[in-house]
Amino acid sequence: MASATHIFCAFILCAFVSHLFSVMALFFYILACLAVLGLVKKTLRAVEIRRLKRQHGCQDPVKVEQTERIVGWGMYKTQMKAFQEHRVLQVGRERYLKYGNTWSLTIMGMEFVNVRRWSNYYDV
């Protein structure tokens, strides 16, 4: 037969566990709300950018031909080789001649937009 102490401890343990689950539920609810809020904010920003591009007739920068654009490992190796051979300016000039005044590339997961004129920078 269970003593009063055992029953009291079981009652406290059940209350603690139910409280713990309610705190965890509240935590996950708040986390889900923040995720949805972030998604909505990102979507609204994308819609705003698209509207501004249409309004001003802007186009996306030309993308440099790369074997893969997610990480940009091939472009990183190309840049490092040009750096070691002291040909960085020449390679950059060749890209401007080939792709125009505004172009983008991905190196090590970061997208770089290159512009020849500063006025284009503010439009991008």
PDB file of N, CA and C in Angstrom:
ATOM      1  N   MET A   1       0.849  -1.168   0.000  1.00  0.00           N
ATOM      2  CA  MET A   1       0.000   0.000   0.000  1.00  0.00           C
ATOM      3  C   MET A   1       0.899   1.237   0.000  1.00  0.00           C
ATOM      4  N   ALA A   2       0.508   2.216  -0.806  1.00  0.00           N
ATOM      5  CA  ALA A   2       1.294   3.427  -0.952  1.00  0.00           C
ATOM      6  C   ALA A   2       1.046   4.360   0.216  1.00  0.00           C
ATOM      7  N   SER A   3       2.124   4.939   0.678  1.00  0.00           N
ATOM      8  CA  SER A   3       2.002   5.877   1.782  1.00  0.00           C
ATOM      9  C   SER A   3       1.609   7.239   1.244  1.00  0.00           C
ATOM     10  N   ALA A   4       1.263   8.120   2.133  1.00  0.00           N
ATOM     11  CA  ALA A   4       0.848   9.465   1.760  1.00  0.00           C
ATOM     12  C   ALA A   4       2.000  10.218   1.100  1.00  0.00           C
ATOM     13  N   THR A   5       3.220   9.928   1.535  1.00  0.00           N
ATOM     14  CA  THR A   5       4.384  10.587   0.948  1.00  0.00           C
ATOM     15  C   THR A   5       4.555  10.191  -0.512  1.00  0.00           C
ATOM     16  N   HIS A   6       4.389   8.889  -0.780  1.00  0.00           N
ATOM     17  CA  HIS A   6       4.511   8.408  -2.154  1.00  0.00           C
ATOM     18  C   HIS A   6       3.424   9.014  -3.046  1.00  0.00           C
ATOM     19  N   ILE A   7       2.227   9.082  -2.568  1.00  0.00           N
ATOM     20  CA  ILE A   7       1.115   9.653  -3.334  1.00  0.00           C
ATOM     21  C   ILE A   7       1.375  11.141  -3.590  1.00  0.00           C
ATOM     22  N   PHE A   8       1.849  11.838  -2.551  1.00  0.00           N
ATOM     23  CA  PHE A   8       2.141  13.256  -2.702  1.00  0.00           C
ATOM     24  C   PHE A   8       3.250  13.468  -3.730  1.00  0.00           C
ATOM     25  N   CYS A   9       4.326  12.645  -3.683  1.00  0.00           N
ATOM     26  CA  CYS A   9       5.426  12.760  -4.645  1.00  0.00           C
ATOM     27  C   CYS A   9       4.939  12.463  -6.064  1.00  0.00           C
ATOM     28  N   ALA A  10       4.084  11.472  -6.222  1.00  0.00           N
ATOM     29  CA  ALA A  10       3.533  11.142  -7.539  1.00  0.00           C
ATOM     30  C   ALA A  10       2.688  12.301  -8.061  1.00  0.00           C
ATOM     31  N   PHE A  11       1.917  12.927  -7.182  1.00  0.00           N
ATOM     32  CA  PHE A  11       1.094  14.062  -7.574  1.00  0.00           C
ATOM     33  C   PHE A  11       1.962  15.239  -8.020  1.00  0.00           C
ATOM     34  N   ILE A  12       3.028  15.529  -7.282  1.00  0.00           N
ATOM     35  CA  ILE A  12       3.948  16.609  -7.633  1.00  0.00           C
ATOM     36  C   ILE A  12       4.635  16.307  -8.963  1.00  0.00           C
ATOM     37  N   LEU A  13       5.051  15.047  -9.153  1.00  0.00           N
ATOM     38  CA  LEU A  13       5.709  14.644 -10.388  1.00  0.00           C
ATOM     39  C   LEU A  13       4.766  14.800 -11.580  1.00  0.00           C
ATOM     40  N   CYS A  14       3.511  14.397 -11.447  1.00  0.00           N
ATOM     41  CA  CYS A  14       2.528  14.549 -12.525  1.00  0.00           C
ATOM     42  C   CYS A  14       2.282  16.026 -12.833  1.00  0.00           C
ATOM     43  N   ALA A  15       2.186  16.834 -11.802  1.00  0.00           N
ATOM     44  CA  ALA A  15       1.977  18.266 -12.012  1.00  0.00           C
ATOM     45  C   ALA A  15       3.182  18.876 -12.728  1.00  0.00           C
ATOM     46  N   PHE A  16       4.386  18.472 -12.328  1.00  0.00           N
ATOM     47  CA  PHE A  16       5.594  18.991 -12.963  1.00  0.00           C
ATOM     48  C   PHE A  16       5.666  18.583 -14.426  1.00  0.00           C
ATOM     49  N   VAL A  17       5.371  17.308 -14.716  1.00  0.00           N
ATOM     50  CA  VAL A  17       5.428  16.815 -16.093  1.00  0.00           C
ATOM     51  C   VAL A  17       4.392  17.525 -16.956  1.00  0.00           C
ATOM     52  N   SER A  18       3.173  17.699 -16.457  1.00  0.00           N
ATOM     53  CA  SER A  18       2.151  18.390 -17.247  1.00  0.00           C
ATOM     54  C   SER A  18       2.538  19.858 -17.462  1.00  0.00           C
ATOM     55  N   HIS A  19       3.140  20.474 -16.458  1.00  0.00           N
ATOM     56  CA  HIS A  19       3.611  21.851 -16.605  1.00  0.00           C
ATOM     57  C   HIS A  19       4.742  21.925 -17.626  1.00  0.00           C
ATOM     58  N   LEU A  20       5.650  20.937 -17.578  1.00  0.00           N
ATOM     59  CA  LEU A  20       6.757  20.890 -18.522  1.00  0.00           C
ATOM     60  C   LEU A  20       6.243  20.774 -19.954  1.00  0.00           C
ATOM     61  N   PHE A  21       5.235  19.909 -20.180  1.00  0.00           N
ATOM     62  CA  PHE A  21       4.682  19.756 -21.527  1.00  0.00           C
ATOM     63  C   PHE A  21       3.981  21.027 -21.980  1.00  0.00           C
ATOM     64  N   SER A  22       3.332  21.730 -21.072  1.00  0.00           N
ATOM     65  CA  SER A  22       2.675  22.968 -21.473  1.00  0.00           C
ATOM     66  C   SER A  22       3.705  24.048 -21.812  1.00  0.00           C
ATOM     67  N   VAL A  23       4.836  24.070 -21.091  1.00  0.00           N
ATOM     68  CA  VAL A  23       5.900  25.021 -21.396  1.00  0.00           C
ATOM     69  C   VAL A  23       6.529  24.679 -22.746  1.00  0.00           C
ATOM     70  N   MET A  24       6.748  23.382 -23.007  1.00  0.00           N
ATOM     71  CA  MET A  24       7.308  22.974 -24.289  1.00  0.00           C
ATOM     72  C   MET A  24       6.339  23.295 -25.423  1.00  0.00           C
ATOM     73  N   ALA A  25       5.057  23.085 -25.209  1.00  0.00           N
ATOM     74  CA  ALA A  25       4.066  23.407 -26.228  1.00  0.00           C
ATOM     75  C   ALA A  25       4.060  24.901 -26.515  1.00  0.00           C
ATOM     76  N   LEU A  26       4.146  25.698 -25.474  1.00  0.00           N
ATOM     77  CA  LEU A  26       4.203  27.143 -25.653  1.00  0.00           C
ATOM     78  C   LEU A  26       5.471  27.544 -26.414  1.00  0.00           C
ATOM     79  N   PHE A  27       6.593  26.923 -26.089  1.00  0.00           N
ATOM     80  CA  PHE A  27       7.846  27.193 -26.786  1.00  0.00           C
ATOM     81  C   PHE A  27       7.728  26.877 -28.274  1.00  0.00           C
ATOM     82  N   PHE A  28       7.196  25.706 -28.610  1.00  0.00           N
ATOM     83  CA  PHE A  28       7.057  25.329 -30.016  1.00  0.00           C
ATOM     84  C   PHE A  28       6.029  26.199 -30.732  1.00  0.00           C
ATOM     85  N   TYR A  29       4.995  26.636 -30.034  1.00  0.00           N
ATOM     86  CA  TYR A  29       4.014  27.539 -30.621  1.00  0.00           C
ATOM     87  C   TYR A  29       4.663  28.882 -30.962  1.00  0.00           C
ATOM     88  N   ILE A  30       5.452  29.406 -30.043  1.00  0.00           N
ATOM     89  CA  ILE A  30       6.156  30.664 -30.285  1.00  0.00           C
ATOM     90  C   ILE A  30       7.161  30.494 -31.420  1.00  0.00           C
ATOM     91  N   LEU A  31       7.877  29.383 -31.442  1.00  0.00           N
ATOM     92  CA  LEU A  31       8.842  29.108 -32.492  1.00  0.00           C
ATOM     93  C   LEU A  31       8.160  29.029 -33.855  1.00  0.00           C
ATOM     94  N   ALA A  32       7.006  28.369 -33.914  1.00  0.00           N
ATOM     95  CA  ALA A  32       6.253  28.274 -35.166  1.00  0.00           C
ATOM     96  C   ALA A  32       5.761  29.660 -35.606  1.00  0.00           C
ATOM     97  N   CYS A  33       5.301  30.462 -34.668  1.00  0.00           N
ATOM     98  CA  CYS A  33       4.843  31.821 -35.000  1.00  0.00           C
ATOM     99  C   CYS A  33       5.988  32.662 -35.549  1.00  0.00           C
ATOM    100  N   LEU A  34       7.164  32.548 -34.962  1.00  0.00           N
ATOM    101  CA  LEU A  34       8.323  33.300 -35.452  1.00  0.00           C
ATOM    102  C   LEU A  34       8.731  32.840 -36.851  1.00  0.00           C
ATOM    103  N   ALA A  35       8.657  31.534 -37.090  1.00  0.00           N
ATOM    104  CA  ALA A  35       8.995  31.010 -38.416  1.00  0.00           C
ATOM    105  C   ALA A  35       8.014  31.530 -39.464  1.00  0.00           C
ATOM    106  N   VAL A  36       6.730  31.510 -39.138  1.00  0.00           N
ATOM    107  CA  VAL A  36       5.719  32.021 -40.069  1.00  0.00           C
ATOM    108  C   VAL A  36       5.907  33.511 -40.285  1.00  0.00           C
ATOM    109  N   LEU A  37       6.192  34.247 -39.229  1.00  0.00           N
ATOM    110  CA  LEU A  37       6.417  35.685 -39.347  1.00  0.00           C
ATOM    111  C   LEU A  37       7.624  35.973 -40.247  1.00  0.00           C
ATOM    112  N   GLY A  38       8.695  35.220 -40.081  1.00  0.00           N
ATOM    113  CA  GLY A  38       9.865  35.393 -40.936  1.00  0.00           C
ATOM    114  C   GLY A  38       9.562  35.082 -42.392  1.00  0.00           C
ATOM    115  N   LEU A  39       8.785  34.039 -42.622  1.00  0.00           N
ATOM    116  CA  LEU A  39       8.406  33.675 -43.985  1.00  0.00           C
ATOM    117  C   LEU A  39       7.536  34.753 -44.626  1.00  0.00           C
ATOM    118  N   VAL A  40       6.598  35.289 -43.867  1.00  0.00           N
ATOM    119  CA  VAL A  40       5.740  36.359 -44.376  1.00  0.00           C
ATOM    120  C   VAL A  40       6.570  37.603 -44.682  1.00  0.00           C
ATOM    121  N   LYS A  41       7.502  37.942 -43.801  1.00  0.00           N
ATOM    122  CA  LYS A  41       8.358  39.118 -44.010  1.00  0.00           C
ATOM    123  C   LYS A  41       9.199  38.947 -45.271  1.00  0.00           C
ATOM    124  N   LYS A  42       9.764  37.757 -45.459  1.00  0.00           N
ATOM    125  CA  LYS A  42      10.588  37.495 -46.630  1.00  0.00           C
ATOM    126  C   LYS A  42       9.751  37.548 -47.908  1.00  0.00           C
ATOM    127  N   THR A  43       8.535  37.019 -47.860  1.00  0.00           N
ATOM    128  CA  THR A  43       7.646  37.048 -49.021  1.00  0.00           C
ATOM    129  C   THR A  43       7.249  38.472 -49.369  1.00  0.00           C
ATOM    130  N   LEU A  44       6.902  39.277 -48.367  1.00  0.00           N
ATOM    131  CA  LEU A  44       6.527  40.669 -48.623  1.00  0.00           C
ATOM    132  C   LEU A  44       7.698  41.449 -49.211  1.00  0.00           C
ATOM    133  N   ARG A  45       8.912  41.185 -48.742  1.00  0.00           N
ATOM    134  CA  ARG A  45      10.099  41.865 -49.278  1.00  0.00           C
ATOM    135  C   ARG A  45      10.328  41.467 -50.736  1.00  0.00           C
ATOM    136  N   ALA A  46      10.130  40.181 -51.061  1.00  0.00           N
ATOM    137  CA  ALA A  46      10.299  39.734 -52.444  1.00  0.00           C
ATOM    138  C   ALA A  46       9.257  40.380 -53.356  1.00  0.00           C
ATOM    139  N   VAL A  47       8.025  40.515 -52.871  1.00  0.00           N
ATOM    140  CA  VAL A  47       6.969  41.160 -53.656  1.00  0.00           C
ATOM    141  C   VAL A  47       7.310  42.632 -53.876  1.00  0.00           C
ATOM    142  N   GLU A  48       7.818  43.298 -52.835  1.00  0.00           N
ATOM    143  CA  GLU A  48       8.191  44.707 -52.958  1.00  0.00           C
ATOM    144  C   GLU A  48       9.325  44.899 -53.965  1.00  0.00           C
ATOM    145  N   ILE A  49      10.328  44.033 -53.919  1.00  0.00           N
ATOM    146  CA  ILE A  49      11.440  44.124 -54.860  1.00  0.00           C
ATOM    147  C   ILE A  49      10.952  43.890 -56.287  1.00  0.00           C
ATOM    148  N   ARG A  50      10.083  42.911 -56.464  1.00  0.00           N
ATOM    149  CA  ARG A  50       9.547  42.627 -57.803  1.00  0.00           C
ATOM    150  C   ARG A  50       8.758  43.821 -58.338  1.00  0.00           C
ATOM    151  N   ARG A  51       7.970  44.457 -57.480  1.00  0.00           N
ATOM    152  CA  ARG A  51       7.187  45.623 -57.888  1.00  0.00           C
ATOM    153  C   ARG A  51       8.107  46.774 -58.293  1.00  0.00           C
ATOM    154  N   LEU A  52       9.158  47.009 -57.513  1.00  0.00           N
ATOM    155  CA  LEU A  52      10.105  48.072 -57.849  1.00  0.00           C
ATOM    156  C   LEU A  52      10.844  47.782 -59.159  1.00  0.00           C
ATOM    157  N   LYS A  53      11.207  46.522 -59.385  1.00  0.00           N
ATOM    158  CA  LYS A  53      11.881  46.160 -60.630  1.00  0.00           C
ATOM    159  C   LYS A  53      10.974  46.423 -61.827  1.00  0.00           C
ATOM    160  N   ARG A  54       9.703  46.043 -61.705  1.00  0.00           N
ATOM    161  CA  ARG A  54       8.759  46.306 -62.792  1.00  0.00           C
ATOM    162  C   ARG A  54       8.556  47.802 -63.005  1.00  0.00           C
ATOM    163  N   GLN A  55       8.443  48.536 -61.926  1.00  0.00           N
ATOM    164  CA  GLN A  55       8.176  49.969 -61.999  1.00  0.00           C
ATOM    165  C   GLN A  55       9.317  50.711 -62.691  1.00  0.00           C
ATOM    166  N   HIS A  56      10.560  50.330 -62.414  1.00  0.00           N
ATOM    167  CA  HIS A  56      11.712  51.033 -62.966  1.00  0.00           C
ATOM    168  C   HIS A  56      12.342  50.322 -64.163  1.00  0.00           C
ATOM    169  N   GLY A  57      11.786  49.196 -64.561  1.00  0.00           N
ATOM    170  CA  GLY A  57      12.314  48.480 -65.724  1.00  0.00           C
ATOM    171  C   GLY A  57      13.666  47.834 -65.486  1.00  0.00           C
ATOM    172  N   CYS A  58      13.943  47.445 -64.256  1.00  0.00           N
ATOM    173  CA  CYS A  58      15.237  46.834 -63.925  1.00  0.00           C
ATOM    174  C   CYS A  58      15.256  45.372 -64.355  1.00  0.00           C
ATOM    175  N   GLN A  59      16.431  44.901 -64.686  1.00  0.00           N
ATOM    176  CA  GLN A  59      16.628  43.495 -65.019  1.00  0.00           C
ATOM    177  C   GLN A  59      17.637  42.899 -64.047  1.00  0.00           C
ATOM    178  N   ASP A  60      17.574  41.597 -63.902  1.00  0.00           N
ATOM    179  CA  ASP A  60      18.549  40.923 -63.044  1.00  0.00           C
ATOM    180  C   ASP A  60      19.919  40.976 -63.704  1.00  0.00           C
ATOM    181  N   PRO A  61      20.983  40.995 -62.906  1.00  0.00           N
ATOM    182  CA  PRO A  61      22.316  40.992 -63.507  1.00  0.00           C
ATOM    183  C   PRO A  61      22.580  39.679 -64.240  1.00  0.00           C
ATOM    184  N   VAL A  62      23.417  39.737 -65.253  1.00  0.00           N
ATOM    185  CA  VAL A  62      23.792  38.552 -66.004  1.00  0.00           C
ATOM    186  C   VAL A  62      24.565  37.622 -65.077  1.00  0.00           C
ATOM    187  N   LYS A  63      24.248  36.338 -65.128  1.00  0.00           N
ATOM    188  CA  LYS A  63      24.945  35.374 -64.277  1.00  0.00           C
ATOM    189  C   LYS A  63      26.097  34.753 -65.044  1.00  0.00           C
ATOM    190  N   VAL A  64      27.259  34.771 -64.442  1.00  0.00           N
ATOM    191  CA  VAL A  64      28.446  34.185 -65.043  1.00  0.00           C
ATOM    192  C   VAL A  64      28.232  32.683 -65.165  1.00  0.00           C
ATOM    193  N   GLU A  65      28.682  32.119 -66.274  1.00  0.00           N
ATOM    194  CA  GLU A  65      28.534  30.677 -66.480  1.00  0.00           C
ATOM    195  C   GLU A  65      29.384  29.934 -65.452  1.00  0.00           C
ATOM    196  N   GLN A  66      28.724  29.101 -64.653  1.00  0.00           N
ATOM    197  CA  GLN A  66      29.409  28.310 -63.635  1.00  0.00           C
ATOM    198  C   GLN A  66      28.912  26.881 -63.717  1.00  0.00           C
ATOM    199  N   THR A  67      29.770  25.933 -63.335  1.00  0.00           N
ATOM    200  CA  THR A  67      29.336  24.535 -63.346  1.00  0.00           C
ATOM    201  C   THR A  67      28.277  24.298 -62.279  1.00  0.00           C
ATOM    202  N   GLU A  68      28.350  24.986 -61.163  1.00  0.00           N
ATOM    203  CA  GLU A  68      27.324  24.927 -60.107  1.00  0.00           C
ATOM    204  C   GLU A  68      27.312  26.253 -59.364  1.00  0.00           C
ATOM    205  N   ARG A  69      26.100  26.724 -59.043  1.00  0.00           N
ATOM    206  CA  ARG A  69      25.958  28.044 -58.427  1.00  0.00           C
ATOM    207  C   ARG A  69      25.615  27.962 -56.938  1.00  0.00           C
ATOM    208  N   ILE A  70      25.521  26.800 -56.367  1.00  0.00           N
ATOM    209  CA  ILE A  70      25.153  26.696 -54.955  1.00  0.00           C
ATOM    210  C   ILE A  70      26.348  27.053 -54.075  1.00  0.00           C
ATOM    211  N   VAL A  71      27.455  26.379 -54.279  1.00  0.00           N
ATOM    212  CA  VAL A  71      28.654  26.651 -53.484  1.00  0.00           C
ATOM    213  C   VAL A  71      29.630  27.516 -54.263  1.00  0.00           C
ATOM    214  N   GLY A  72      29.776  27.285 -55.545  1.00  0.00           N
ATOM    215  CA  GLY A  72      30.702  28.062 -56.355  1.00  0.00           C
ATOM    216  C   GLY A  72      32.146  27.637 -56.190  1.00  0.00           C
ATOM    217  N   TRP A  73      32.372  26.352 -55.975  1.00  0.00           N
ATOM    218  CA  TRP A  73      33.724  25.851 -55.747  1.00  0.00           C
ATOM    219  C   TRP A  73      34.598  26.028 -56.992  1.00  0.00           C
ATOM    220  N   GLY A  74      34.039  25.775 -58.175  1.00  0.00           N
ATOM    221  CA  GLY A  74      34.802  25.922 -59.418  1.00  0.00           C
ATOM    222  C   GLY A  74      35.245  27.363 -59.634  1.00  0.00           C
ATOM    223  N   MET A  75      34.360  28.309 -59.364  1.00  0.00           N
ATOM    224  CA  MET A  75      34.710  29.723 -59.521  1.00  0.00           C
ATOM    225  C   MET A  75      35.758  30.132 -58.488  1.00  0.00           C
ATOM    226  N   TYR A  76      35.676  29.557 -57.287  1.00  0.00           N
ATOM    227  CA  TYR A  76      36.683  29.837 -56.257  1.00  0.00           C
ATOM    228  C   TYR A  76      38.060  29.389 -56.727  1.00  0.00           C
ATOM    229  N   LYS A  77      38.120  28.184 -57.302  1.00  0.00           N
ATOM    230  CA  LYS A  77      39.400  27.680 -57.793  1.00  0.00           C
ATOM    231  C   LYS A  77      39.926  28.544 -58.937  1.00  0.00           C
ATOM    232  N   THR A  78      39.022  28.991 -59.821  1.00  0.00           N
ATOM    233  CA  THR A  78      39.432  29.859 -60.925  1.00  0.00           C
ATOM    234  C   THR A  78      39.992  31.182 -60.400  1.00  0.00           C
ATOM    235  N   GLN A  79      39.309  31.767 -59.422  1.00  0.00           N
ATOM    236  CA  GLN A  79      39.775  33.033 -58.841  1.00  0.00           C
ATOM    237  C   GLN A  79      41.128  32.868 -58.146  1.00  0.00           C
ATOM    238  N   MET A  80      41.276  31.781 -57.399  1.00  0.00           N
ATOM    239  CA  MET A  80      42.538  31.556 -56.691  1.00  0.00           C
ATOM    240  C   MET A  80      43.685  31.332 -57.674  1.00  0.00           C
ATOM    241  N   LYS A  81      43.411  30.624 -58.769  1.00  0.00           N
ATOM    242  CA  LYS A  81      44.449  30.408 -59.775  1.00  0.00           C
ATOM    243  C   LYS A  81      44.855  31.739 -60.410  1.00  0.00           C
ATOM    244  N   ALA A  82      43.863  32.582 -60.726  1.00  0.00           N
ATOM    245  CA  ALA A  82      44.165  33.898 -61.300  1.00  0.00           C
ATOM    246  C   ALA A  82      44.943  34.753 -60.305  1.00  0.00           C
ATOM    247  N   PHE A  83      44.614  34.646 -59.027  1.00  0.00           N
ATOM    248  CA  PHE A  83      45.324  35.404 -57.996  1.00  0.00           C
ATOM    249  C   PHE A  83      46.779  34.956 -57.894  1.00  0.00           C
ATOM    250  N   GLN A  84      47.001  33.653 -57.924  1.00  0.00           N
ATOM    251  CA  GLN A  84      48.364  33.133 -57.809  1.00  0.00           C
ATOM    252  C   GLN A  84      49.206  33.487 -59.032  1.00  0.00           C
ATOM    253  N   GLU A  85      48.550  33.588 -60.201  1.00  0.00           N
ATOM    254  CA  GLU A  85      49.263  33.932 -61.428  1.00  0.00           C
ATOM    255  C   GLU A  85      49.308  35.447 -61.662  1.00  0.00           C
ATOM    256  N   HIS A  86      48.806  36.218 -60.701  1.00  0.00           N
ATOM    257  CA  HIS A  86      48.782  37.686 -60.788  1.00  0.00           C
ATOM    258  C   HIS A  86      48.016  38.166 -62.023  1.00  0.00           C
ATOM    259  N   ARG A  87      46.850  37.532 -62.297  1.00  0.00           N
ATOM    260  CA  ARG A  87      46.041  37.880 -63.445  1.00  0.00           C
ATOM    261  C   ARG A  87      44.609  38.274 -63.036  1.00  0.00           C
ATOM    262  N   VAL A  88      44.391  38.700 -61.815  1.00  0.00           N
ATOM    263  CA  VAL A  88      43.042  38.996 -61.326  1.00  0.00           C
ATOM    264  C   VAL A  88      42.405  40.126 -62.126  1.00  0.00           C
ATOM    265  N   LEU A  89      43.153  41.196 -62.380  1.00  0.00           N
ATOM    266  CA  LEU A  89      42.600  42.328 -63.133  1.00  0.00           C
ATOM    267  C   LEU A  89      42.276  41.930 -64.571  1.00  0.00           C
ATOM    268  N   GLN A  90      43.117  41.130 -65.153  1.00  0.00           N
ATOM    269  CA  GLN A  90      42.880  40.685 -66.523  1.00  0.00           C
ATOM    270  C   GLN A  90      41.635  39.797 -66.604  1.00  0.00           C
ATOM    271  N   VAL A  91      41.483  38.881 -65.659  1.00  0.00           N
ATOM    272  CA  VAL A  91      40.305  38.006 -65.637  1.00  0.00           C
ATOM    273  C   VAL A  91      39.039  38.829 -65.415  1.00  0.00           C
ATOM    274  N   GLY A  92      39.099  39.802 -64.503  1.00  0.00           N
ATOM    275  CA  GLY A  92      37.948  40.669 -64.270  1.00  0.00           C
ATOM    276  C   GLY A  92      37.585  41.475 -65.503  1.00  0.00           C
ATOM    277  N   ARG A  93      38.583  42.014 -66.204  1.00  0.00           N
ATOM    278  CA  ARG A  93      38.328  42.778 -67.434  1.00  0.00           C
ATOM    279  C   ARG A  93      37.697  41.893 -68.501  1.00  0.00           C
ATOM    280  N   GLU A  94      38.183  40.658 -68.615  1.00  0.00           N
ATOM    281  CA  GLU A  94      37.605  39.720 -69.588  1.00  0.00           C
ATOM    282  C   GLU A  94      36.137  39.434 -69.266  1.00  0.00           C
ATOM    283  N   ARG A  95      35.818  39.332 -67.987  1.00  0.00           N
ATOM    284  CA  ARG A  95      34.415  39.104 -67.608  1.00  0.00           C
ATOM    285  C   ARG A  95      33.554  40.317 -67.938  1.00  0.00           C
ATOM    286  N   TYR A  96      34.063  41.517 -67.685  1.00  0.00           N
ATOM    287  CA  TYR A  96      33.300  42.722 -68.045  1.00  0.00           C
ATOM    288  C   TYR A  96      33.080  42.787 -69.553  1.00  0.00           C
ATOM    289  N   LEU A  97      34.091  42.416 -70.346  1.00  0.00           N
ATOM    290  CA  LEU A  97      33.938  42.428 -71.798  1.00  0.00           C
ATOM    291  C   LEU A  97      32.928  41.372 -72.256  1.00  0.00           C
ATOM    292  N   LYS A  98      32.917  40.232 -71.587  1.00  0.00           N
ATOM    293  CA  LYS A  98      32.038  39.139 -71.996  1.00  0.00           C
ATOM    294  C   LYS A  98      30.601  39.323 -71.507  1.00  0.00           C
ATOM    295  N   TYR A  99      30.424  39.762 -70.247  1.00  0.00           N
ATOM    296  CA  TYR A  99      29.092  39.793 -69.637  1.00  0.00           C
ATOM    297  C   TYR A  99      28.488  41.190 -69.530  1.00  0.00           C
ATOM    298  N   GLY A 100      29.235  42.235 -69.796  1.00  0.00           N
ATOM    299  CA  GLY A 100      28.682  43.580 -69.737  1.00  0.00           C
ATOM    300  C   GLY A 100      29.034  44.302 -68.443  1.00  0.00           C
ATOM    301  N   ASN A 101      28.323  45.395 -68.196  1.00  0.00           N
ATOM    302  CA  ASN A 101      28.648  46.265 -67.061  1.00  0.00           C
ATOM    303  C   ASN A 101      28.193  45.723 -65.707  1.00  0.00           C
ATOM    304  N   THR A 102      27.211  44.833 -65.680  1.00  0.00           N
ATOM    305  CA  THR A 102      26.695  44.298 -64.416  1.00  0.00           C
ATOM    306  C   THR A 102      26.537  42.791 -64.545  1.00  0.00           C
ATOM    307  N   TRP A 103      27.165  42.039 -63.656  1.00  0.00           N
ATOM    308  CA  TRP A 103      27.064  40.586 -63.679  1.00  0.00           C
ATOM    309  C   TRP A 103      27.257  40.040 -62.274  1.00  0.00           C
ATOM    310  N   SER A 104      26.849  38.793 -62.071  1.00  0.00           N
ATOM    311  CA  SER A 104      26.956  38.191 -60.740  1.00  0.00           C
ATOM    312  C   SER A 104      27.575  36.807 -60.851  1.00  0.00           C
ATOM    313  N   LEU A 105      28.191  36.403 -59.759  1.00  0.00           N
ATOM    314  CA  LEU A 105      28.747  35.061 -59.649  1.00  0.00           C
ATOM    315  C   LEU A 105      28.662  34.607 -58.198  1.00  0.00           C
ATOM    316  N   THR A 106      28.788  33.310 -58.008  1.00  0.00           N
ATOM    317  CA  THR A 106      28.719  32.739 -56.663  1.00  0.00           C
ATOM    318  C   THR A 106      30.061  32.114 -56.323  1.00  0.00           C
ATOM    319  N   ILE A 107      30.613  32.518 -55.182  1.00  0.00           N
ATOM    320  CA  ILE A 107      31.867  31.947 -54.696  1.00  0.00           C
ATOM    321  C   ILE A 107      31.670  31.574 -53.237  1.00  0.00           C
ATOM    322  N   MET A 108      31.910  30.314 -52.928  1.00  0.00           N
ATOM    323  CA  MET A 108      31.814  29.772 -51.568  1.00  0.00           C
ATOM    324  C   MET A 108      30.462  30.096 -50.922  1.00  0.00           C
ATOM    325  N   GLY A 109      29.392  29.961 -51.693  1.00  0.00           N
ATOM    326  CA  GLY A 109      28.045  30.137 -51.173  1.00  0.00           C
ATOM    327  C   GLY A 109      27.560  31.568 -51.097  1.00  0.00           C
ATOM    328  N   MET A 110      28.392  32.542 -51.442  1.00  0.00           N
ATOM    329  CA  MET A 110      27.990  33.953 -51.401  1.00  0.00           C
ATOM    330  C   MET A 110      27.878  34.475 -52.824  1.00  0.00           C
ATOM    331  N   GLU A 111      26.805  35.223 -53.075  1.00  0.00           N
ATOM    332  CA  GLU A 111      26.627  35.793 -54.404  1.00  0.00           C
ATOM    333  C   GLU A 111      27.249  37.185 -54.436  1.00  0.00           C
ATOM    334  N   PHE A 112      28.071  37.416 -55.444  1.00  0.00           N
ATOM    335  CA  PHE A 112      28.715  38.704 -55.641  1.00  0.00           C
ATOM    336  C   PHE A 112      28.155  39.349 -56.902  1.00  0.00           C
ATOM    337  N   VAL A 113      27.702  40.579 -56.778  1.00  0.00           N
ATOM    338  CA  VAL A 113      27.234  41.339 -57.933  1.00  0.00           C
ATOM    339  C   VAL A 113      28.312  42.369 -58.243  1.00  0.00           C
ATOM    340  N   ASN A 114      28.814  42.337 -59.465  1.00  0.00           N
ATOM    341  CA  ASN A 114      29.885  43.237 -59.895  1.00  0.00           C
ATOM    342  C   ASN A 114      29.311  44.270 -60.851  1.00  0.00           C
ATOM    343  N   VAL A 115      29.622  45.528 -60.595  1.00  0.00           N
ATOM    344  CA  VAL A 115      29.134  46.617 -61.443  1.00  0.00           C
ATOM    345  C   VAL A 115      30.315  47.480 -61.848  1.00  0.00           C
ATOM    346  N   ARG A 116      30.216  48.052 -63.026  1.00  0.00           N
ATOM    347  CA  ARG A 116      31.283  48.924 -63.496  1.00  0.00           C
ATOM    348  C   ARG A 116      31.038  50.358 -63.047  1.00  0.00           C
ATOM    349  N   ARG A 117      29.784  50.782 -63.004  1.00  0.00           N
ATOM    350  CA  ARG A 117      29.444  52.146 -62.595  1.00  0.00           C
ATOM    351  C   ARG A 117      28.706  52.119 -61.265  1.00  0.00           C
ATOM    352  N   TRP A 118      28.996  53.082 -60.398  1.00  0.00           N
ATOM    353  CA  TRP A 118      28.349  53.129 -59.088  1.00  0.00           C
ATOM    354  C   TRP A 118      26.862  53.393 -59.199  1.00  0.00           C
ATOM    355  N   SER A 119      26.425  54.096 -60.235  1.00  0.00           N
ATOM    356  CA  SER A 119      24.989  54.335 -60.386  1.00  0.00           C
ATOM    357  C   SER A 119      24.246  53.026 -60.590  1.00  0.00           C
ATOM    358  N   ASN A 120      24.892  52.040 -61.233  1.00  0.00           N
ATOM    359  CA  ASN A 120      24.271  50.724 -61.384  1.00  0.00           C
ATOM    360  C   ASN A 120      24.184  49.995 -60.049  1.00  0.00           C
ATOM    361  N   TYR A 121      25.122  50.251 -59.171  1.00  0.00           N
ATOM    362  CA  TYR A 121      25.121  49.589 -57.863  1.00  0.00           C
ATOM    363  C   TYR A 121      23.861  49.897 -57.087  1.00  0.00           C
ATOM    364  N   TYR A 122      23.435  51.138 -57.098  1.00  0.00           N
ATOM    365  CA  TYR A 122      22.249  51.516 -56.340  1.00  0.00           C
ATOM    366  C   TYR A 122      20.991  50.973 -56.980  1.00  0.00           C
ATOM    367  N   ASP A 123      21.011  50.749 -58.292  1.00  0.00           N
ATOM    368  CA  ASP A 123      19.840  50.189 -58.967  1.00  0.00           C
ATOM    369  C   ASP A 123      19.715  48.698 -58.724  1.00  0.00           C
ATOM    370  N   VAL A 124      20.856  48.033 -58.493  1.00  0.00           N
ATOM    371  CA  VAL A 124      20.809  46.590 -58.263  1.00  0.00           C
ATOM    372  C   VAL A 124      20.297  46.363 -56.850  1.00  0.00           C
TER     373      VAL A 124
END
